[in-house]
Amino acid sequence: MFLSVSAQKTHTVIKGDNPYNVSKKYGITIAELEKLNPKIKDGKFSIGDILNVKAGNATVVKNTTASSSAQTGRIILQPKQTIYGITKQYRISETDLRKLNPDLDSHTKIGDEITLPLENIRKYGGSEAVVATAKPVVAPAETVSPSNSKTKIDSGNEKSSSVQSSSNQDEYATYTVEQGDTVFSIVNKFGVTIDELVALNPDLSKGLKAGMILKIKKLDAAYIKKNGDALSVVLMLPFGYSTNETQYRAMALDFLTGAKLAIERNAANGQKLDIKIVDSGNEASFKSSLTQINPNNTDLIIGPFFKSNVIDLLDFTKTQKIPVVAPFANSPELYNYSNLIIVETNDQAYADKIVEEVKTVYSDQKIYVVADAKKDNANYIKANLEKVLKNANVTIVNSASEIQLDQNMMTGQSAPVIAILASDNDTVGEAFSSRMIALSKDVQGMKAFSLYSVPSFEKKVDELSQASLVYLMDRKINAEGSFEKEILAAYKAKYCKTPGKYAVIGFDVVNDMLTRENKKGEIFKQMNKVQTQLATKFEFVKSKTNGAYVNTGFRVITLTP
């Protein structure tokens, strides 16, 4: 049923309105808006102004369902449907869509109804025109349970998204659509045009949905093993024998003990390996060590340790595109190399996680951030907390002693605060630990967070659990895990000691890379797998299309009262 009436529609100006968004909302041009409202000067109007937005005949739609004999019908918005997707799927211009839906911008939530020409719904909607909304699928967090019941360790980054090289779509980088994504946010994120994205993904015309796997861009050709059946691996470690230096020798030897255990373990399981160990010397003498590598007969290089040497190696192997693993170097200037695999997680990933954790417990408490000398991490955390929290009161301090309890204005009693440690200095960290314990004795409800681990965090679990401490670690061994027990026992049987820090890293890096090899010797085809080794979680994402793989995995430790 339709009723055609002569109408003059109006709009009351609210905060944030401007000529552009008002004219867009009602499907008219800015010139038409100005013509209807001569009082508008220089595109300015005030909150509360009443604007004429439409003159002439207005069509009022009544009883317009898809089964009606009328000319329009309604669809129910599904997850990830966008205005752009609706216009493409139902072959309607955005101007015409807005004419049928004057309040379109405020009716784009899942379950909202959108009016469309009935013919278009029947022709292009099919069974998808009206369907029940689906619940988003959330992958469960990886969790391990240490012997201390107050301590919980989880993966810490189960929500990370990535551009991945799909095993069944080898030539393309792909992206899995997440809640909140739009076509425009995706093209801006990956630097492609809408036309390019739609050309690779024709189903986008039906709308964007969470869980869709989109092709983003064609990748470089895949790497294929060169040396017959055996994977040819080079380890570049700074022993310093060639230059008679010992500064990094202990680190290199420790790393090698863990690497050897991983190599022997994979060889025993049937993997064919050809291992070569190269003394990479120091930063100055590194280039001479490259003469020991034949790029035309090498499948994987692990090392070197230092950033400048990593760049030299990448330049040396740029023609062959050999996978190069950087165990310790992580810098934005490395992100342009598509054959580089960066193991270390950067501070920004940690800071983002802390912001996420604080958001879950925030209820108008005052927030303190203990900074290091540079204050980079503290400033980043403060800025992001102020973005995601309403009326956040965030103060950056230089020491934990400056953290003070708040005061309840109604009762005059002390009130708990949120405290964040953004310094990796152990002395500052120990002072933070002591301050949290002291304040937790004075008031209940303290919330403490740390980007870094401090020795006392593991020594004073009971006391710090009263502040519900949450802290992050790049590596943490779950001593109760069966895999971990097996590796620790094997290391002790081989070397008569428990593995040190660099032995653990050596095992984790080498074992992770070797277990990613497929039958063709391709490492990159398996980079989308999330794997946790002895202590390290490896969750690689592309820094950019045809850029380096960067590890975003870390461990989150929560102390519960």
Protein backbone atom coordinates (compact mmCIF):
# COMPACT_ATOMS: atom_id res chain seq x y z
CA MET A 1 0.00 0.00 0.00
CA PHE A 2 1.32 3.43 -0.94
CA LEU A 3 0.25 6.91 -0.05
CA SER A 4 1.59 9.85 -2.07
CA VAL A 5 1.46 13.18 -0.28
CA SER A 6 2.88 16.63 -0.73
CA ALA A 7 5.50 17.10 1.96
CA GLN A 8 8.31 19.33 3.09
CA LYS A 9 10.71 17.14 5.10
CA THR A 10 12.88 18.70 7.77
CA HIS A 11 16.00 17.80 9.72
CA THR A 12 16.97 19.11 13.16
CA VAL A 13 20.72 19.77 13.38
CA ILE A 14 22.59 17.75 16.01
CA LYS A 15 26.21 17.71 17.14
CA GLY A 16 28.53 16.62 14.33
CA ASP A 17 26.21 17.61 11.47
CA ASN A 18 27.63 19.43 8.45
CA PRO A 19 26.31 20.14 4.93
CA TYR A 20 28.06 17.07 3.53
CA ASN A 21 26.69 14.43 5.90
CA VAL A 22 23.20 15.98 6.00
CA SER A 23 22.89 16.10 2.21
CA LYS A 24 24.30 12.58 1.95
CA LYS A 25 21.81 11.31 4.53
CA TYR A 26 18.82 12.54 2.54
CA GLY A 27 20.15 11.74 -0.93
CA ILE A 28 20.45 15.33 -2.14
CA THR A 29 23.38 17.49 -3.23
CA ILE A 30 24.92 20.22 -1.09
CA ALA A 31 23.70 22.74 -3.69
CA GLU A 32 20.13 21.46 -3.29
CA LEU A 33 20.45 21.67 0.50
CA GLU A 34 21.63 25.28 0.27
CA LYS A 35 18.82 26.13 -2.16
CA LEU A 36 16.24 24.71 0.26
CA ASN A 37 17.84 26.62 3.13
CA PRO A 38 18.89 30.14 2.04
CA LYS A 39 19.86 30.97 5.63
CA ILE A 40 22.89 28.68 5.43
CA LYS A 41 25.98 30.82 5.05
CA ASP A 42 29.44 29.47 4.25
CA GLY A 43 28.21 25.95 4.97
CA LYS A 44 27.64 26.68 8.66
CA PHE A 45 24.66 25.98 10.87
CA SER A 46 24.03 25.56 14.59
CA ILE A 47 22.77 22.74 16.78
CA GLY A 48 18.98 22.93 16.91
CA ASP A 49 18.55 24.57 13.49
CA ILE A 50 15.68 23.10 11.48
CA LEU A 51 16.65 22.46 7.87
CA ASN A 52 14.46 21.75 4.88
CA VAL A 53 15.84 18.62 3.28
CA LYS A 54 13.20 17.60 0.73
CA ALA A 55 10.41 19.34 -1.15
CA GLY A 56 7.56 17.99 -3.30
CA ASN A 57 6.03 14.53 -3.32
CA ALA A 58 7.29 12.14 -0.65
CA THR A 59 6.45 8.45 -0.85
CA VAL A 60 5.35 6.85 2.40
CA VAL A 61 5.65 3.05 2.33
CA LYS A 62 3.22 0.96 4.33
CA ASN A 63 3.02 -2.86 4.65
CA THR A 64 5.96 -3.43 2.31
CA THR A 65 7.18 -6.97 2.80
CA ALA A 66 8.91 -9.11 0.19
CA SER A 67 5.65 -11.00 -0.40
CA SER A 68 3.63 -7.83 -0.98
CA SER A 69 2.44 -6.80 -4.40
CA ALA A 70 3.93 -3.36 -3.79
CA GLN A 71 7.01 -2.08 -5.56
CA THR A 72 9.36 -2.18 -2.57
CA GLY A 73 10.41 -4.73 -0.02
CA ARG A 74 12.75 -5.02 2.93
CA ILE A 75 15.84 -7.04 3.70
CA ILE A 76 17.29 -7.72 7.14
CA LEU A 77 20.92 -6.65 7.52
CA GLN A 78 23.35 -9.53 8.04
CA PRO A 79 26.79 -9.50 9.72
CA LYS A 80 29.27 -7.44 7.70
CA GLN A 81 26.78 -6.18 5.14
CA THR A 82 27.70 -2.64 4.18
CA ILE A 83 26.04 0.14 2.21
CA TYR A 84 28.57 -0.49 -0.55
CA GLY A 85 27.86 -4.23 -0.56
CA ILE A 86 24.08 -3.66 -0.70
CA THR A 87 24.37 -1.29 -3.68
CA LYS A 88 26.51 -3.81 -5.55
CA GLN A 89 24.42 -6.89 -4.72
CA TYR A 90 21.04 -5.34 -5.42
CA ARG A 91 22.17 -3.18 -8.36
CA ILE A 92 21.01 0.11 -6.89
CA SER A 93 22.82 3.44 -6.70
CA GLU A 94 23.67 4.84 -3.27
CA THR A 95 21.57 7.93 -4.09
CA ASP A 96 18.47 5.81 -4.81
CA LEU A 97 19.16 3.66 -1.75
CA ARG A 98 19.25 6.75 0.47
CA LYS A 99 16.04 8.07 -1.08
CA LEU A 100 14.30 4.86 -0.02
CA ASN A 101 16.02 4.94 3.40
CA PRO A 102 16.42 8.57 4.59
CA ASP A 103 17.80 7.44 7.96
CA LEU A 104 20.17 4.90 6.42
CA ASP A 105 23.25 5.93 8.41
CA SER A 106 21.50 5.26 11.70
CA HIS A 107 20.02 1.94 10.53
CA THR A 108 23.04 -0.15 9.57
CA LYS A 109 23.14 -2.55 12.52
CA ILE A 110 22.69 -6.30 12.21
CA GLY A 111 18.95 -7.02 12.16
CA ASP A 112 17.92 -3.56 10.90
CA GLU A 113 15.57 -3.46 7.93
CA ILE A 114 16.54 -1.81 4.65
CA THR A 115 13.97 -0.88 2.01
CA LEU A 116 14.78 -1.84 -1.60
CA PRO A 117 12.93 -2.17 -4.90
CA LEU A 118 11.02 -5.47 -4.72
CA GLU A 119 12.13 -6.45 -8.20
CA ASN A 120 15.79 -6.09 -7.19
CA ILE A 121 15.28 -8.22 -4.06
CA ARG A 122 13.64 -10.99 -6.08
CA LYS A 123 16.21 -10.84 -8.85
CA TYR A 124 19.43 -10.47 -6.87
CA GLY A 125 18.63 -11.47 -3.30
CA GLY A 126 17.41 -15.03 -3.70
CA SER A 127 17.33 -16.99 -0.47
CA GLU A 128 19.80 -14.58 1.09
CA ALA A 129 17.39 -11.63 1.16
CA VAL A 130 16.07 -12.46 4.63
CA VAL A 131 18.00 -14.89 6.79
CA ALA A 132 18.63 -15.38 10.51
CA THR A 133 21.69 -13.63 11.88
CA ALA A 134 24.58 -15.92 12.71
CA LYS A 135 26.70 -15.80 15.81
CA PRO A 136 30.36 -15.00 15.16
CA VAL A 137 32.76 -17.88 15.64
CA VAL A 138 35.52 -17.12 18.13
CA ALA A 139 38.52 -19.42 18.34
CA PRO A 140 39.23 -20.60 21.87
CA ALA A 141 42.35 -19.27 23.58
CA GLU A 142 45.27 -21.60 23.99
CA THR A 143 45.65 -22.18 27.73
CA VAL A 144 48.14 -24.11 29.80
CA SER A 145 47.79 -24.70 33.52
CA PRO A 146 51.00 -24.52 35.57
CA SER A 147 51.27 -26.20 38.93
CA ASN A 148 50.62 -22.91 40.77
CA SER A 149 46.83 -22.57 40.77
CA LYS A 150 47.10 -18.78 41.13
CA THR A 151 49.00 -18.48 37.85
CA LYS A 152 47.33 -18.82 34.47
CA ILE A 153 49.24 -18.67 31.20
CA ASP A 154 47.56 -18.21 27.85
CA SER A 155 48.63 -17.49 24.31
CA GLY A 156 47.90 -13.79 24.65
CA ASN A 157 47.25 -13.13 21.00
CA GLU A 158 44.55 -15.49 19.82
CA LYS A 159 42.67 -12.65 18.11
CA SER A 160 45.41 -11.51 15.78
CA SER A 161 44.54 -11.33 12.10
CA SER A 162 46.86 -11.82 9.20
CA VAL A 163 47.47 -11.82 5.50
CA GLN A 164 48.42 -15.38 4.77
CA SER A 165 49.68 -17.47 1.90
CA SER A 166 46.97 -20.07 1.50
CA SER A 167 48.08 -23.62 0.79
CA ASN A 168 45.31 -24.13 -1.78
CA GLN A 169 45.62 -20.65 -3.27
CA ASP A 170 49.38 -20.49 -3.35
CA GLU A 171 49.74 -17.50 -5.63
CA TYR A 172 47.69 -15.09 -3.51
CA ALA A 173 47.96 -13.34 -0.18
CA THR A 174 44.64 -13.84 1.62
CA TYR A 175 42.85 -12.11 4.49
CA THR A 176 40.13 -13.49 6.77
CA VAL A 177 37.42 -10.87 7.35
CA GLU A 178 36.87 -9.99 11.01
CA GLN A 179 34.05 -8.35 12.95
CA GLY A 180 34.12 -4.58 12.29
CA ASP A 181 35.81 -4.78 8.88
CA THR A 182 34.43 -2.86 5.92
CA VAL A 183 35.44 -2.91 2.27
CA PHE A 184 36.97 0.53 2.69
CA SER A 185 38.97 -0.41 5.79
CA ILE A 186 40.35 -3.48 3.99
CA VAL A 187 41.44 -1.63 0.83
CA ASN A 188 43.03 1.08 2.96
CA LYS A 189 44.80 -1.50 5.13
CA PHE A 190 46.40 -3.32 2.21
CA GLY A 191 46.84 -0.51 -0.29
CA VAL A 192 44.66 -1.94 -3.06
CA THR A 193 41.72 -0.41 -4.94
CA ILE A 194 38.10 -1.48 -4.58
CA ASP A 195 38.10 -2.55 -8.24
CA GLU A 196 41.14 -4.77 -7.69
CA LEU A 197 39.60 -6.33 -4.58
CA VAL A 198 36.24 -7.00 -6.26
CA ALA A 199 37.95 -8.43 -9.36
CA LEU A 200 39.71 -11.02 -7.18
CA ASN A 201 36.63 -11.62 -5.02
CA PRO A 202 33.39 -11.53 -7.06
CA ASP A 203 31.36 -12.68 -4.04
CA LEU A 204 31.91 -9.24 -2.48
CA SER A 205 28.94 -8.09 -4.57
CA LYS A 206 26.78 -10.10 -2.13
CA GLY A 207 28.16 -8.23 0.86
CA LEU A 208 31.05 -8.55 3.29
CA LYS A 209 30.71 -11.21 5.98
CA ALA A 210 32.86 -12.18 8.96
CA GLY A 211 34.88 -15.30 8.15
CA MET A 212 35.14 -14.62 4.41
CA ILE A 213 38.61 -15.33 3.03
CA LEU A 214 39.53 -12.62 0.54
CA LYS A 215 42.29 -12.69 -2.03
CA ILE A 216 44.33 -9.51 -1.63
CA LYS A 217 47.18 -9.58 -4.10
CA LYS A 218 49.29 -12.02 -6.07
CA LEU A 219 52.40 -13.08 -4.19
CA ASP A 220 55.92 -13.75 -5.35
CA ALA A 221 56.51 -17.21 -6.76
CA ALA A 222 56.81 -19.98 -4.17
CA TYR A 223 60.19 -21.24 -3.03
CA ILE A 224 61.06 -24.84 -3.89
CA LYS A 225 63.76 -27.00 -2.28
CA LYS A 226 67.02 -27.05 -4.26
CA ASN A 227 69.14 -29.86 -2.88
CA GLY A 228 67.31 -33.07 -3.77
CA ASP A 229 65.47 -34.69 -0.85
CA ALA A 230 67.45 -32.95 1.90
CA LEU A 231 66.60 -29.52 3.24
CA SER A 232 69.82 -27.49 3.11
CA VAL A 233 70.00 -25.30 6.25
CA VAL A 234 72.67 -22.77 7.26
CA LEU A 235 73.03 -21.56 10.88
CA MET A 236 74.89 -18.24 11.13
CA LEU A 237 76.09 -17.77 14.72
CA PRO A 238 78.53 -15.17 16.14
CA PHE A 239 81.17 -17.47 17.67
CA GLY A 240 83.95 -14.99 16.88
CA TYR A 241 86.65 -17.62 16.28
CA SER A 242 87.66 -16.05 12.98
CA THR A 243 88.13 -12.64 14.60
CA ASN A 244 89.32 -13.93 17.97
CA GLU A 245 86.40 -12.28 19.78
CA THR A 246 84.46 -13.84 22.62
CA GLN A 247 81.75 -11.24 23.32
CA TYR A 248 78.89 -13.30 21.86
CA ARG A 249 80.47 -16.76 21.90
CA ALA A 250 78.66 -18.02 25.00
CA MET A 251 75.31 -16.89 23.57
CA ALA A 252 76.07 -18.58 20.23
CA LEU A 253 77.18 -21.85 21.86
CA ASP A 254 74.10 -21.90 24.08
CA PHE A 255 71.85 -21.26 21.06
CA LEU A 256 73.61 -24.10 19.20
CA THR A 257 72.92 -26.67 21.95
CA GLY A 258 69.18 -26.08 21.62
CA ALA A 259 69.38 -25.99 17.82
CA LYS A 260 71.21 -29.34 17.74
CA LEU A 261 68.52 -30.96 19.88
CA ALA A 262 65.84 -29.73 17.44
CA ILE A 263 67.85 -30.92 14.43
CA GLU A 264 68.42 -34.39 15.88
CA ARG A 265 64.76 -34.65 16.91
CA ASN A 266 63.48 -33.88 13.41
CA ALA A 267 66.08 -36.09 11.73
CA ALA A 268 65.02 -38.98 13.97
CA ASN A 269 61.47 -38.46 12.74
CA GLY A 270 62.60 -38.99 9.14
CA GLN A 271 63.29 -35.44 7.95
CA LYS A 272 66.30 -35.27 5.61
CA LEU A 273 68.56 -32.39 6.59
CA ASP A 274 71.86 -30.99 5.39
CA ILE A 275 73.12 -28.62 8.11
CA LYS A 276 75.98 -26.15 7.78
CA ILE A 277 77.18 -23.95 10.66
CA VAL A 278 78.87 -20.66 9.75
CA ASP A 279 80.79 -18.41 12.13
CA SER A 280 79.27 -15.00 11.36
CA GLY A 281 81.96 -13.16 13.34
CA ASN A 282 81.14 -9.59 14.38
CA GLU A 283 79.18 -6.88 12.62
CA ALA A 284 82.28 -5.51 10.90
CA SER A 285 83.62 -8.84 9.63
CA PHE A 286 80.25 -10.35 8.73
CA LYS A 287 80.42 -9.88 4.95
CA SER A 288 83.47 -12.13 4.70
CA SER A 289 81.45 -14.98 6.22
CA LEU A 290 79.00 -14.81 3.32
CA THR A 291 81.59 -16.46 1.09
CA GLN A 292 80.86 -19.71 2.95
CA ILE A 293 77.25 -19.74 1.70
CA ASN A 294 76.17 -20.96 -1.73
CA PRO A 295 72.80 -19.22 -2.31
CA ASN A 296 72.04 -21.52 -5.23
CA ASN A 297 72.16 -24.58 -3.00
CA THR A 298 70.63 -23.28 0.26
CA ASP A 299 67.00 -23.67 1.36
CA LEU A 300 66.90 -21.94 4.75
CA ILE A 301 69.18 -19.60 6.70
CA ILE A 302 68.75 -19.10 10.46
CA GLY A 303 70.65 -16.07 11.71
CA PRO A 304 72.53 -13.81 11.88
CA PHE A 305 71.76 -12.15 15.21
CA PHE A 306 72.37 -8.45 14.39
CA LYS A 307 70.14 -6.17 12.29
CA SER A 308 72.90 -4.75 10.08
CA ASN A 309 74.08 -8.27 9.28
CA VAL A 310 70.53 -9.40 8.50
CA ILE A 311 70.26 -6.62 5.90
CA ASP A 312 73.61 -7.63 4.38
CA LEU A 313 72.43 -11.23 4.14
CA LEU A 314 69.09 -10.26 2.58
CA ASP A 315 70.90 -8.23 -0.07
CA PHE A 316 73.20 -11.19 -0.70
CA THR A 317 70.29 -13.61 -1.20
CA LYS A 318 67.71 -11.28 -2.80
CA THR A 319 67.79 -13.06 -6.16
CA GLN A 320 67.16 -16.54 -4.72
CA LYS A 321 64.51 -15.44 -2.17
CA ILE A 322 65.85 -17.90 0.42
CA PRO A 323 63.89 -17.85 3.70
CA VAL A 324 66.00 -15.95 6.24
CA VAL A 325 65.13 -16.19 9.95
CA ALA A 326 66.14 -13.30 12.24
CA PRO A 327 66.11 -14.66 15.82
CA PHE A 328 66.61 -11.29 17.54
CA ALA A 329 66.44 -8.39 15.06
CA ASN A 330 63.09 -6.60 14.74
CA SER A 331 62.91 -3.18 13.11
CA PRO A 332 60.44 -1.52 10.70
CA GLU A 333 63.20 -1.11 8.13
CA LEU A 334 63.30 -4.91 7.84
CA TYR A 335 59.60 -5.21 7.01
CA ASN A 336 60.06 -4.67 3.26
CA TYR A 337 61.88 -7.99 2.72
CA SER A 338 59.39 -10.67 1.64
CA ASN A 339 61.76 -13.58 2.38
CA LEU A 340 62.47 -12.48 5.99
CA ILE A 341 60.97 -14.18 9.05
CA ILE A 342 61.22 -12.07 12.23
CA VAL A 343 60.99 -14.04 15.48
CA GLU A 344 60.96 -11.29 18.12
CA THR A 345 57.61 -9.69 18.94
CA ASN A 346 57.79 -5.89 19.08
CA ASP A 347 56.74 -3.66 21.98
CA GLN A 348 53.71 -2.31 20.14
CA ALA A 349 52.12 -5.77 20.10
CA TYR A 350 52.66 -5.98 23.88
CA ALA A 351 51.28 -2.47 24.44
CA ASP A 352 48.17 -3.22 22.38
CA LYS A 353 47.52 -6.29 24.50
CA ILE A 354 47.90 -4.33 27.75
CA VAL A 355 45.40 -1.74 26.49
CA GLU A 356 43.00 -4.57 25.67
CA GLU A 357 43.41 -6.10 29.13
CA VAL A 358 42.94 -2.76 30.93
CA LYS A 359 39.77 -2.12 28.96
CA THR A 360 38.20 -5.29 30.39
CA VAL A 361 38.58 -4.16 34.03
CA TYR A 362 38.20 -0.40 33.69
CA SER A 363 35.42 1.23 35.70
CA ASP A 364 36.48 4.88 35.99
CA GLN A 365 39.61 4.16 38.08
CA LYS A 366 42.56 6.49 37.85
CA ILE A 367 45.35 4.97 35.74
CA TYR A 368 49.12 5.29 36.32
CA VAL A 369 51.75 4.30 33.76
CA VAL A 370 55.33 3.86 35.01
CA ALA A 371 57.59 4.90 32.12
CA ASP A 372 61.19 4.30 31.13
CA ALA A 373 63.52 7.14 30.16
CA LYS A 374 62.28 7.36 26.55
CA LYS A 375 58.59 7.18 27.49
CA ASP A 376 57.71 5.81 24.03
CA ASN A 377 55.74 2.82 25.34
CA ALA A 378 54.10 4.86 28.08
CA ASN A 379 52.96 7.57 25.68
CA TYR A 380 51.63 4.95 23.26
CA ILE A 381 49.65 3.22 26.00
CA LYS A 382 48.28 6.52 27.34
CA ALA A 383 47.15 7.65 23.89
CA ASN A 384 45.40 4.38 23.13
CA LEU A 385 43.74 4.14 26.54
CA GLU A 386 42.33 7.62 26.02
CA LYS A 387 40.94 6.47 22.68
CA VAL A 388 39.16 3.35 23.94
CA LEU A 389 38.10 4.42 27.46
CA LYS A 390 35.51 7.06 28.24
CA ASN A 391 36.88 9.95 30.32
CA ALA A 392 40.11 8.08 31.07
CA ASN A 393 42.38 9.79 33.62
CA VAL A 394 45.85 8.52 32.70
CA THR A 395 49.02 9.82 34.37
CA ILE A 396 52.57 8.93 33.30
CA VAL A 397 55.06 8.74 36.20
CA ASN A 398 58.77 8.05 36.41
CA SER A 399 58.71 5.74 39.42
CA ALA A 400 56.29 3.44 41.23
CA SER A 401 56.52 5.57 44.37
CA GLU A 402 54.43 8.22 42.58
CA ILE A 403 51.46 5.84 42.32
CA GLN A 404 48.86 6.94 44.87
CA LEU A 405 45.49 5.54 45.83
CA ASP A 406 42.49 7.56 44.69
CA GLN A 407 39.85 8.93 47.07
CA ASN A 408 36.14 8.23 46.92
CA MET A 409 34.49 11.67 46.90
CA MET A 410 31.32 10.31 48.51
CA THR A 411 32.82 8.35 51.39
CA GLY A 412 36.26 9.93 51.71
CA GLN A 413 37.79 6.46 51.76
CA SER A 414 40.76 5.30 49.67
CA ALA A 415 39.89 3.85 46.28
CA PRO A 416 41.92 1.41 44.13
CA VAL A 417 43.69 2.45 40.94
CA ILE A 418 45.06 0.76 37.83
CA ALA A 419 48.87 0.66 37.52
CA ILE A 420 50.86 -0.28 34.40
CA LEU A 421 54.59 -0.97 34.20
CA ALA A 422 56.00 0.16 30.85
CA SER A 423 59.70 -0.10 31.69
CA ASP A 424 61.96 -3.14 31.19
CA ASN A 425 64.41 -1.94 33.84
CA ASP A 426 64.57 -4.60 36.58
CA THR A 427 65.15 -2.05 39.36
CA VAL A 428 62.11 -0.06 38.30
CA GLY A 429 60.19 -3.32 37.95
CA GLU A 430 61.07 -4.52 41.45
CA ALA A 431 59.98 -1.17 42.88
CA PHE A 432 56.70 -1.52 40.97
CA SER A 433 56.22 -4.99 42.41
CA SER A 434 56.79 -3.77 45.99
CA ARG A 435 54.46 -0.80 45.50
CA MET A 436 51.65 -3.02 44.19
CA ILE A 437 51.98 -5.34 47.19
CA ALA A 438 51.89 -2.38 49.61
CA LEU A 439 48.85 -0.73 47.99
CA SER A 440 46.98 -4.05 47.81
CA LYS A 441 47.28 -4.31 51.60
CA ASP A 442 45.71 -0.85 51.99
CA VAL A 443 42.74 -1.35 49.67
CA GLN A 444 41.03 -4.13 47.76
CA GLY A 445 40.52 -4.04 44.00
CA MET A 446 43.96 -2.92 42.81
CA LYS A 447 44.68 -3.86 39.17
CA ALA A 448 48.29 -4.18 38.02
CA PHE A 449 49.64 -4.77 34.50
CA SER A 450 53.14 -5.05 33.03
CA LEU A 451 54.59 -5.19 29.53
CA TYR A 452 57.54 -7.11 30.92
CA SER A 453 58.37 -9.83 33.39
CA VAL A 454 60.22 -9.02 36.62
CA PRO A 455 61.96 -11.71 38.77
CA SER A 456 59.74 -10.96 41.76
CA PHE A 457 56.61 -11.67 39.70
CA GLU A 458 57.37 -15.38 39.99
CA LYS A 459 58.75 -15.17 43.54
CA LYS A 460 55.83 -13.28 45.09
CA VAL A 461 52.84 -14.83 43.36
CA ASP A 462 50.62 -14.86 46.45
CA GLU A 463 51.19 -11.18 47.28
CA LEU A 464 50.92 -9.92 43.70
CA SER A 465 47.80 -11.98 43.03
CA GLN A 466 46.00 -9.57 45.38
CA ALA A 467 46.56 -6.92 42.70
CA SER A 468 45.36 -9.35 39.99
CA LEU A 469 48.67 -8.82 38.18
CA VAL A 470 48.67 -9.47 34.43
CA TYR A 471 52.03 -9.47 32.68
CA LEU A 472 53.43 -10.47 29.30
CA MET A 473 56.40 -12.61 28.36
CA ASP A 474 57.95 -13.42 25.01
CA ARG A 475 58.74 -16.90 26.34
CA LYS A 476 57.45 -19.03 29.18
CA ILE A 477 57.94 -22.76 29.72
CA ASN A 478 54.93 -24.66 30.97
CA ALA A 479 56.80 -27.18 33.10
CA GLU A 480 53.65 -29.32 33.44
CA GLY A 481 53.13 -29.83 29.69
CA SER A 482 53.94 -33.26 28.25
CA PHE A 483 55.85 -31.86 25.25
CA GLU A 484 57.80 -29.51 27.48
CA LYS A 485 58.68 -32.32 29.90
CA GLU A 486 59.91 -34.43 27.01
CA ILE A 487 62.17 -31.69 25.60
CA LEU A 488 63.55 -30.67 29.01
CA ALA A 489 64.37 -34.31 29.79
CA ALA A 490 66.04 -34.81 26.41
CA TYR A 491 68.15 -31.68 26.85
CA LYS A 492 69.24 -32.70 30.34
CA ALA A 493 70.11 -36.22 29.14
CA LYS A 494 72.24 -34.77 26.34
CA TYR A 495 73.96 -31.90 28.18
CA CYS A 496 73.58 -32.80 31.88
CA LYS A 497 71.92 -29.44 32.67
CA THR A 498 68.71 -27.52 32.16
CA PRO A 499 68.61 -25.30 29.06
CA GLY A 500 69.59 -21.65 29.42
CA LYS A 501 67.77 -18.74 27.82
CA TYR A 502 69.53 -18.94 24.46
CA ALA A 503 69.39 -22.74 24.35
CA VAL A 504 65.60 -22.46 24.66
CA ILE A 505 65.52 -19.87 21.86
CA GLY A 506 67.79 -22.05 19.72
CA PHE A 507 65.51 -25.05 20.12
CA ASP A 508 62.30 -23.10 19.60
CA VAL A 509 63.42 -21.24 16.47
CA VAL A 510 65.01 -24.22 14.73
CA ASN A 511 62.29 -26.69 15.68
CA ASP A 512 59.58 -24.29 14.56
CA MET A 513 61.17 -23.68 11.17
CA LEU A 514 61.96 -27.34 10.49
CA THR A 515 58.43 -28.45 11.35
CA ARG A 516 57.03 -25.98 8.79
CA GLU A 517 58.75 -27.67 5.83
CA ASN A 518 56.39 -29.42 3.41
CA LYS A 519 57.33 -32.12 0.89
CA LYS A 520 58.67 -29.55 -1.57
CA GLY A 521 60.83 -27.91 1.06
CA GLU A 522 58.58 -24.86 1.16
CA ILE A 523 58.68 -23.00 4.47
CA PHE A 524 56.53 -20.03 3.49
CA LYS A 525 53.53 -22.20 2.53
CA GLN A 526 53.24 -23.23 6.20
CA MET A 527 53.64 -19.83 7.83
CA ASN A 528 49.93 -19.52 8.64
CA LYS A 529 50.22 -22.29 11.23
CA VAL A 530 50.25 -21.15 14.88
CA GLN A 531 52.75 -23.24 16.84
CA THR A 532 53.99 -23.17 20.43
CA GLN A 533 57.38 -24.74 21.04
CA LEU A 534 59.18 -25.25 24.34
CA ALA A 535 58.64 -21.68 25.52
CA THR A 536 57.82 -19.52 22.49
CA LYS A 537 54.53 -19.04 20.69
CA PHE A 538 54.95 -18.46 16.95
CA GLU A 539 52.07 -16.66 15.26
CA PHE A 540 53.37 -15.00 12.12
CA VAL A 541 51.59 -12.27 10.18
CA LYS A 542 52.67 -10.38 7.09
CA SER A 543 53.88 -6.86 7.89
CA LYS A 544 52.43 -5.90 4.50
CA THR A 545 51.61 -7.63 1.23
CA ASN A 546 54.90 -9.04 -0.07
CA GLY A 547 56.57 -7.92 3.16
CA ALA A 548 58.33 -9.75 5.99
CA TYR A 549 56.66 -12.27 8.30
CA VAL A 550 56.60 -10.92 11.86
CA ASN A 551 55.87 -12.99 14.96
CA THR A 552 52.99 -11.61 17.03
CA GLY A 553 52.86 -14.46 19.53
CA PHE A 554 53.48 -13.97 23.24
CA ARG A 555 52.37 -15.39 26.57
CA VAL A 556 49.95 -13.71 28.98
CA ILE A 557 50.37 -14.60 32.65
CA THR A 558 47.53 -13.76 35.03
CA LEU A 559 47.86 -13.98 38.81
CA THR A 560 44.46 -14.59 40.40
CA PRO A 561 43.69 -14.09 44.11
